[in-house]
């Protein structure tokens, strides 16, 4: 997603990482709010990193192939990472839930030792809720002038416009149809909201 700025660029040290697998969720029946969640047996890893774009990235990587499969951008206070009550205490199912949105992604923890599950989830939420970007060593980084972030860790208008321009360039290079997919549009909506633009902007309409 966001081929030009939804990626972290070169190798980045993880702020937090732990083994986890992906899960698929489907409605129990048409129109039902109840979900059937099924684990994917592939070995994976969740990692949170600070990208070259100064944004926080929630990533899921396949530990067998090394491929970076999921890469979600998170703004402060944007989402939660919580354990799902499956009515079975032995289950270790967690969900990344975007606030004010139906977007959610399920994972099951794969570390043999489950005693640190809650601690790892807390680290993820602390990073999502942080207003100042932390470094890989765990300290807060003061953003110098010209790097696109103000001292509070938020991207300024010029930085976001640069990223939006990069998105357009990436679409042209990919074939020139200029039609981002639904996931890209959802991420674009978040960026526009943080710029103060209303959700009803015509930029967010799809055909």
C-alpha atoms as a PDB file:
ATOM      1  CA  UNK A   1       0.000   0.000   0.000  1.00  0.00           C
ATOM      2  CA  UNK A   2       1.169   3.465  -0.827  1.00  0.00           C
ATOM      3  CA  UNK A   3       4.034   2.137  -2.969  1.00  0.00           C
ATOM      4  CA  UNK A   4       5.997   5.391  -2.764  1.00  0.00           C
ATOM      5  CA  UNK A   5       5.693   6.208   0.923  1.00  0.00           C
ATOM      6  CA  UNK A   6       3.863   3.314   2.558  1.00  0.00           C
ATOM      7  CA  UNK A   7       7.126   1.415   2.646  1.00  0.00           C
ATOM      8  CA  UNK A   8       9.901   1.932   5.165  1.00  0.00           C
ATOM      9  CA  UNK A   9      12.708   2.056   2.636  1.00  0.00           C
ATOM     10  CA  UNK A  10      15.935   0.364   3.758  1.00  0.00           C
ATOM     11  CA  UNK A  11      16.359  -1.951   6.706  1.00  0.00           C
ATOM     12  CA  UNK A  12      14.956  -0.405   9.878  1.00  0.00           C
ATOM     13  CA  UNK A  13      15.335  -1.508  13.474  1.00  0.00           C
ATOM     14  CA  UNK A  14      12.027  -2.575  14.964  1.00  0.00           C
ATOM     15  CA  UNK A  15      10.594  -0.600  17.862  1.00  0.00           C
ATOM     16  CA  UNK A  16       8.872  -3.807  18.967  1.00  0.00           C
ATOM     17  CA  UNK A  17       8.482  -7.200  17.326  1.00  0.00           C
ATOM     18  CA  UNK A  18       7.127 -10.636  18.203  1.00  0.00           C
ATOM     19  CA  UNK A  19       6.046 -13.808  16.425  1.00  0.00           C
ATOM     20  CA  UNK A  20       2.450 -13.892  15.222  1.00  0.00           C
ATOM     21  CA  UNK A  21       0.360 -15.422  12.465  1.00  0.00           C
ATOM     22  CA  UNK A  22      -2.348 -13.855  10.340  1.00  0.00           C
ATOM     23  CA  UNK A  23      -6.030 -14.756  10.604  1.00  0.00           C
ATOM     24  CA  UNK A  24      -8.978 -14.460   8.244  1.00  0.00           C
ATOM     25  CA  UNK A  25     -12.367 -13.221   9.433  1.00  0.00           C
ATOM     26  CA  UNK A  26     -15.698 -13.755   7.680  1.00  0.00           C
ATOM     27  CA  UNK A  27     -19.251 -13.053   8.785  1.00  0.00           C
ATOM     28  CA  UNK A  28     -20.930 -16.051  10.395  1.00  0.00           C
ATOM     29  CA  UNK A  29     -23.882 -15.431   8.083  1.00  0.00           C
ATOM     30  CA  UNK A  30     -24.887 -12.639   5.679  1.00  0.00           C
ATOM     31  CA  UNK A  31     -25.606  -9.449   7.599  1.00  0.00           C
ATOM     32  CA  UNK A  32     -24.361 -10.887  10.895  1.00  0.00           C
ATOM     33  CA  UNK A  33     -21.957  -8.953  13.124  1.00  0.00           C
ATOM     34  CA  UNK A  34     -20.548 -12.221  14.437  1.00  0.00           C
ATOM     35  CA  UNK A  35     -17.311 -13.315  12.811  1.00  0.00           C
ATOM     36  CA  UNK A  36     -15.676 -16.658  12.209  1.00  0.00           C
ATOM     37  CA  UNK A  37     -11.923 -16.170  12.622  1.00  0.00           C
ATOM     38  CA  UNK A  38      -9.578 -18.789  11.166  1.00  0.00           C
ATOM     39  CA  UNK A  39      -5.803 -18.937  11.744  1.00  0.00           C
ATOM     40  CA  UNK A  40      -3.296 -19.055   8.910  1.00  0.00           C
ATOM     41  CA  UNK A  41      -0.598 -21.598   9.819  1.00  0.00           C
ATOM     42  CA  UNK A  42       2.213 -19.608   8.179  1.00  0.00           C
ATOM     43  CA  UNK A  43       4.968 -18.500  10.539  1.00  0.00           C
ATOM     44  CA  UNK A  44       5.021 -14.735  10.831  1.00  0.00           C
ATOM     45  CA  UNK A  45       6.161 -11.751  12.823  1.00  0.00           C
ATOM     46  CA  UNK A  46       4.565  -8.446  13.813  1.00  0.00           C
ATOM     47  CA  UNK A  47       6.930  -5.470  13.837  1.00  0.00           C
ATOM     48  CA  UNK A  48       6.395  -1.756  14.434  1.00  0.00           C
ATOM     49  CA  UNK A  49       8.930   0.503  12.739  1.00  0.00           C
ATOM     50  CA  UNK A  50       9.378   4.207  12.058  1.00  0.00           C
ATOM     51  CA  UNK A  51       9.642   4.664   8.302  1.00  0.00           C
ATOM     52  CA  UNK A  52      11.621   7.132   6.218  1.00  0.00           C
ATOM     53  CA  UNK A  53       8.319   9.017   5.952  1.00  0.00           C
ATOM     54  CA  UNK A  54       8.456   9.535   9.773  1.00  0.00           C
ATOM     55  CA  UNK A  55       5.215   7.570  10.110  1.00  0.00           C
ATOM     56  CA  UNK A  56       4.643   4.562  12.345  1.00  0.00           C
ATOM     57  CA  UNK A  57       4.237   1.339  10.353  1.00  0.00           C
ATOM     58  CA  UNK A  58       2.542  -1.815  11.644  1.00  0.00           C
ATOM     59  CA  UNK A  59       3.985  -4.667   9.610  1.00  0.00           C
ATOM     60  CA  UNK A  60       3.415  -8.396   9.331  1.00  0.00           C
ATOM     61  CA  UNK A  61       6.281 -10.369   7.828  1.00  0.00           C
ATOM     62  CA  UNK A  62       6.398 -13.968   6.672  1.00  0.00           C
ATOM     63  CA  UNK A  63       9.234 -15.573   8.639  1.00  0.00           C
ATOM     64  CA  UNK A  64       9.711 -18.327   6.057  1.00  0.00           C
ATOM     65  CA  UNK A  65      10.047 -16.152   2.957  1.00  0.00           C
ATOM     66  CA  UNK A  66      11.062 -12.877   4.616  1.00  0.00           C
ATOM     67  CA  UNK A  67       8.344 -11.091   2.640  1.00  0.00           C
ATOM     68  CA  UNK A  68       6.732  -8.004   4.161  1.00  0.00           C
ATOM     69  CA  UNK A  69       3.043  -8.853   3.586  1.00  0.00           C
ATOM     70  CA  UNK A  70       1.142  -6.226   5.616  1.00  0.00           C
ATOM     71  CA  UNK A  71       2.246  -2.611   6.027  1.00  0.00           C
ATOM     72  CA  UNK A  72      -0.305  -0.362   7.753  1.00  0.00           C
ATOM     73  CA  UNK A  73       0.299   3.301   8.588  1.00  0.00           C
ATOM     74  CA  UNK A  74      -0.724   4.357  12.091  1.00  0.00           C
ATOM     75  CA  UNK A  75      -1.202   7.888  13.386  1.00  0.00           C
ATOM     76  CA  UNK A  76      -1.240   8.688  17.132  1.00  0.00           C
ATOM     77  CA  UNK A  77      -4.473   7.531  18.787  1.00  0.00           C
ATOM     78  CA  UNK A  78      -5.426   5.923  15.452  1.00  0.00           C
ATOM     79  CA  UNK A  79      -6.001   2.315  16.499  1.00  0.00           C
ATOM     80  CA  UNK A  80      -5.811  -0.240  19.282  1.00  0.00           C
ATOM     81  CA  UNK A  81      -4.194  -3.655  19.542  1.00  0.00           C
ATOM     82  CA  UNK A  82      -6.252  -5.749  21.945  1.00  0.00           C
ATOM     83  CA  UNK A  83      -6.831  -9.374  22.887  1.00  0.00           C
ATOM     84  CA  UNK A  84     -10.055 -10.859  21.552  1.00  0.00           C
ATOM     85  CA  UNK A  85     -12.388 -12.619  23.979  1.00  0.00           C
ATOM     86  CA  UNK A  86     -12.992 -15.971  22.286  1.00  0.00           C
ATOM     87  CA  UNK A  87     -14.437 -17.557  25.457  1.00  0.00           C
ATOM     88  CA  UNK A  88     -11.436 -19.908  25.414  1.00  0.00           C
ATOM     89  CA  UNK A  89      -8.643 -18.769  27.778  1.00  0.00           C
ATOM     90  CA  UNK A  90      -5.966 -20.661  25.848  1.00  0.00           C
ATOM     91  CA  UNK A  91      -6.599 -18.667  22.653  1.00  0.00           C
ATOM     92  CA  UNK A  92      -4.101 -15.901  21.906  1.00  0.00           C
ATOM     93  CA  UNK A  93      -6.038 -13.929  19.314  1.00  0.00           C
ATOM     94  CA  UNK A  94      -5.416 -10.184  18.960  1.00  0.00           C
ATOM     95  CA  UNK A  95      -6.972  -7.572  16.700  1.00  0.00           C
ATOM     96  CA  UNK A  96      -5.594  -4.336  15.278  1.00  0.00           C
ATOM     97  CA  UNK A  97      -8.738  -2.174  15.241  1.00  0.00           C
ATOM     98  CA  UNK A  98      -8.848   1.281  13.651  1.00  0.00           C
ATOM     99  CA  UNK A  99     -10.925   3.687  15.723  1.00  0.00           C
ATOM    100  CA  UNK A 100     -14.114   4.997  14.121  1.00  0.00           C
ATOM    101  CA  UNK A 101     -13.721   2.495  11.299  1.00  0.00           C
ATOM    102  CA  UNK A 102     -14.645  -1.074  10.418  1.00  0.00           C
ATOM    103  CA  UNK A 103     -11.035  -1.794   9.440  1.00  0.00           C
ATOM    104  CA  UNK A 104      -9.628  -4.563  11.607  1.00  0.00           C
ATOM    105  CA  UNK A 105      -6.924  -7.182  11.226  1.00  0.00           C
ATOM    106  CA  UNK A 106      -6.669 -10.365  13.297  1.00  0.00           C
ATOM    107  CA  UNK A 107      -3.490 -12.132  14.393  1.00  0.00           C
ATOM    108  CA  UNK A 108      -2.614 -15.056  16.655  1.00  0.00           C
ATOM    109  CA  UNK A 109       0.544 -14.958  18.753  1.00  0.00           C
ATOM    110  CA  UNK A 110       3.111 -17.663  18.027  1.00  0.00           C
ATOM    111  CA  UNK A 111       5.769 -17.226  20.713  1.00  0.00           C
ATOM    112  CA  UNK A 112       5.928 -20.386  22.814  1.00  0.00           C
ATOM    113  CA  UNK A 113       5.954 -18.327  26.003  1.00  0.00           C
ATOM    114  CA  UNK A 114       2.573 -16.641  26.427  1.00  0.00           C
ATOM    115  CA  UNK A 115       3.528 -14.855  29.651  1.00  0.00           C
ATOM    116  CA  UNK A 116       4.643 -11.754  27.741  1.00  0.00           C
ATOM    117  CA  UNK A 117       1.588 -11.439  25.484  1.00  0.00           C
ATOM    118  CA  UNK A 118       0.015  -8.614  27.495  1.00  0.00           C
ATOM    119  CA  UNK A 119       3.351  -6.792  27.763  1.00  0.00           C
ATOM    120  CA  UNK A 120       3.884  -6.942  24.001  1.00  0.00           C
ATOM    121  CA  UNK A 121       0.359  -5.681  23.324  1.00  0.00           C
ATOM    122  CA  UNK A 122       0.957  -2.792  25.742  1.00  0.00           C
ATOM    123  CA  UNK A 123       4.146  -1.840  23.886  1.00  0.00           C
ATOM    124  CA  UNK A 124       2.207  -1.750  20.611  1.00  0.00           C
ATOM    125  CA  UNK A 125      -0.497   0.479  22.106  1.00  0.00           C
ATOM    126  CA  UNK A 126       2.078   2.746  23.762  1.00  0.00           C
ATOM    127  CA  UNK A 127       3.740   3.276  20.377  1.00  0.00           C
ATOM    128  CA  UNK A 128       0.407   3.983  18.679  1.00  0.00           C
ATOM    129  CA  UNK A 129      -0.535   6.495  21.370  1.00  0.00           C
ATOM    130  CA  UNK A 130       2.855   8.237  21.505  1.00  0.00           C
ATOM    131  CA  UNK A 131       2.862  11.841  20.290  1.00  0.00           C
ATOM    132  CA  UNK A 132       6.655  11.979  19.863  1.00  0.00           C
ATOM    133  CA  UNK A 133       8.271   9.398  17.577  1.00  0.00           C
ATOM    134  CA  UNK A 134      10.480   6.987  19.555  1.00  0.00           C
ATOM    135  CA  UNK A 135      13.734   5.642  18.170  1.00  0.00           C
ATOM    136  CA  UNK A 136      14.631   1.969  17.974  1.00  0.00           C
ATOM    137  CA  UNK A 137      16.493   2.356  21.286  1.00  0.00           C
ATOM    138  CA  UNK A 138      13.243   3.439  22.943  1.00  0.00           C
ATOM    139  CA  UNK A 139      14.047   7.137  23.375  1.00  0.00           C
ATOM    140  CA  UNK A 140      12.002   9.953  21.911  1.00  0.00           C
ATOM    141  CA  UNK A 141      13.472  11.643  18.867  1.00  0.00           C
ATOM    142  CA  UNK A 142      13.234  15.404  18.522  1.00  0.00           C
ATOM    143  CA  UNK A 143      12.529  16.164  14.886  1.00  0.00           C
ATOM    144  CA  UNK A 144      15.068  18.592  13.397  1.00  0.00           C
ATOM    145  CA  UNK A 145      14.012  21.251  10.931  1.00  0.00           C
ATOM    146  CA  UNK A 146      13.322  20.098   7.423  1.00  0.00           C
ATOM    147  CA  UNK A 147      12.627  16.446   8.134  1.00  0.00           C
ATOM    148  CA  UNK A 148       8.882  16.844   7.730  1.00  0.00           C
ATOM    149  CA  UNK A 149       7.925  16.526  11.386  1.00  0.00           C
ATOM    150  CA  UNK A 150       7.380  19.129  14.047  1.00  0.00           C
ATOM    151  CA  UNK A 151       8.669  18.709  17.630  1.00  0.00           C
ATOM    152  CA  UNK A 152       5.416  16.963  18.569  1.00  0.00           C
ATOM    153  CA  UNK A 153       6.113  14.185  16.106  1.00  0.00           C
ATOM    154  CA  UNK A 154       3.346  15.203  13.662  1.00  0.00           C
ATOM    155  CA  UNK A 155       4.000  15.646   9.971  1.00  0.00           C
ATOM    156  CA  UNK A 156       3.638  19.169   8.684  1.00  0.00           C
ATOM    157  CA  UNK A 157       1.603  20.213   5.634  1.00  0.00           C
ATOM    158  CA  UNK A 158       4.567  20.311   3.230  1.00  0.00           C
ATOM    159  CA  UNK A 159       5.705  16.800   4.172  1.00  0.00           C
ATOM    160  CA  UNK A 160       2.257  15.343   3.614  1.00  0.00           C
ATOM    161  CA  UNK A 161       1.891  17.128   0.272  1.00  0.00           C
ATOM    162  CA  UNK A 162       5.240  15.629  -0.780  1.00  0.00           C
ATOM    163  CA  UNK A 163       3.965  12.177   0.084  1.00  0.00           C
ATOM    164  CA  UNK A 164       0.708  12.734  -1.791  1.00  0.00           C
ATOM    165  CA  UNK A 165       2.754  13.770  -4.802  1.00  0.00           C
ATOM    166  CA  UNK A 166       4.819  10.610  -4.482  1.00  0.00           C
ATOM    167  CA  UNK A 167       1.631   8.560  -4.469  1.00  0.00           C
ATOM    168  CA  UNK A 168       0.537  10.107  -7.736  1.00  0.00           C
ATOM    169  CA  UNK A 169       3.925   9.432  -9.304  1.00  0.00           C
ATOM    170  CA  UNK A 170       3.796   5.818  -8.217  1.00  0.00           C
ATOM    171  CA  UNK A 171       0.398   5.325  -9.798  1.00  0.00           C
ATOM    172  CA  UNK A 172       1.576   6.729 -13.125  1.00  0.00           C
ATOM    173  CA  UNK A 173       4.612   4.469 -13.080  1.00  0.00           C
ATOM    174  CA  UNK A 174       2.389   1.492 -12.341  1.00  0.00           C
ATOM    175  CA  UNK A 175       0.301   1.979 -15.458  1.00  0.00           C
ATOM    176  CA  UNK A 176      -1.199   5.443 -15.396  1.00  0.00           C
ATOM    177  CA  UNK A 177      -4.761   4.485 -14.465  1.00  0.00           C
ATOM    178  CA  UNK A 178      -4.596   6.757 -11.399  1.00  0.00           C
ATOM    179  CA  UNK A 179      -7.124   4.640  -9.472  1.00  0.00           C
ATOM    180  CA  UNK A 180      -5.812   3.688  -6.010  1.00  0.00           C
ATOM    181  CA  UNK A 181      -7.294   0.580  -4.439  1.00  0.00           C
ATOM    182  CA  UNK A 182      -9.657   0.704  -1.471  1.00  0.00           C
ATOM    183  CA  UNK A 183      -6.891   0.191   1.082  1.00  0.00           C
ATOM    184  CA  UNK A 184      -4.893   3.075  -0.348  1.00  0.00           C
ATOM    185  CA  UNK A 185      -7.987   5.260  -0.227  1.00  0.00           C
ATOM    186  CA  UNK A 186      -8.497   4.404   3.429  1.00  0.00           C
ATOM    187  CA  UNK A 187      -4.918   5.396   4.249  1.00  0.00           C
ATOM    188  CA  UNK A 188      -5.291   8.560   2.170  1.00  0.00           C
ATOM    189  CA  UNK A 189      -8.418   9.419   4.126  1.00  0.00           C
ATOM    190  CA  UNK A 190      -6.472   9.229   7.372  1.00  0.00           C
ATOM    191  CA  UNK A 191      -3.769  11.557   6.068  1.00  0.00           C
ATOM    192  CA  UNK A 192      -6.323  14.080   4.823  1.00  0.00           C
ATOM    193  CA  UNK A 193      -8.097  13.985   8.183  1.00  0.00           C
ATOM    194  CA  UNK A 194      -4.842  14.828   9.946  1.00  0.00           C
ATOM    195  CA  UNK A 195      -4.425  17.741   7.522  1.00  0.00           C
ATOM    196  CA  UNK A 196      -7.837  19.019   8.599  1.00  0.00           C
ATOM    197  CA  UNK A 197      -9.713  18.073   5.432  1.00  0.00           C
ATOM    198  CA  UNK A 198     -13.248  16.671   5.865  1.00  0.00           C
ATOM    199  CA  UNK A 199     -13.981  13.017   5.146  1.00  0.00           C
ATOM    200  CA  UNK A 200     -16.415  14.003   2.418  1.00  0.00           C
ATOM    201  CA  UNK A 201     -13.650  15.293   0.165  1.00  0.00           C
ATOM    202  CA  UNK A 202     -14.129  14.320  -3.480  1.00  0.00           C
ATOM    203  CA  UNK A 203     -10.618  12.834  -3.398  1.00  0.00           C
ATOM    204  CA  UNK A 204     -12.027   9.932  -1.388  1.00  0.00           C
ATOM    205  CA  UNK A 205     -14.827   8.939  -3.736  1.00  0.00           C
ATOM    206  CA  UNK A 206     -14.453   5.694  -5.642  1.00  0.00           C
ATOM    207  CA  UNK A 207     -16.232   4.438  -8.730  1.00  0.00           C
END
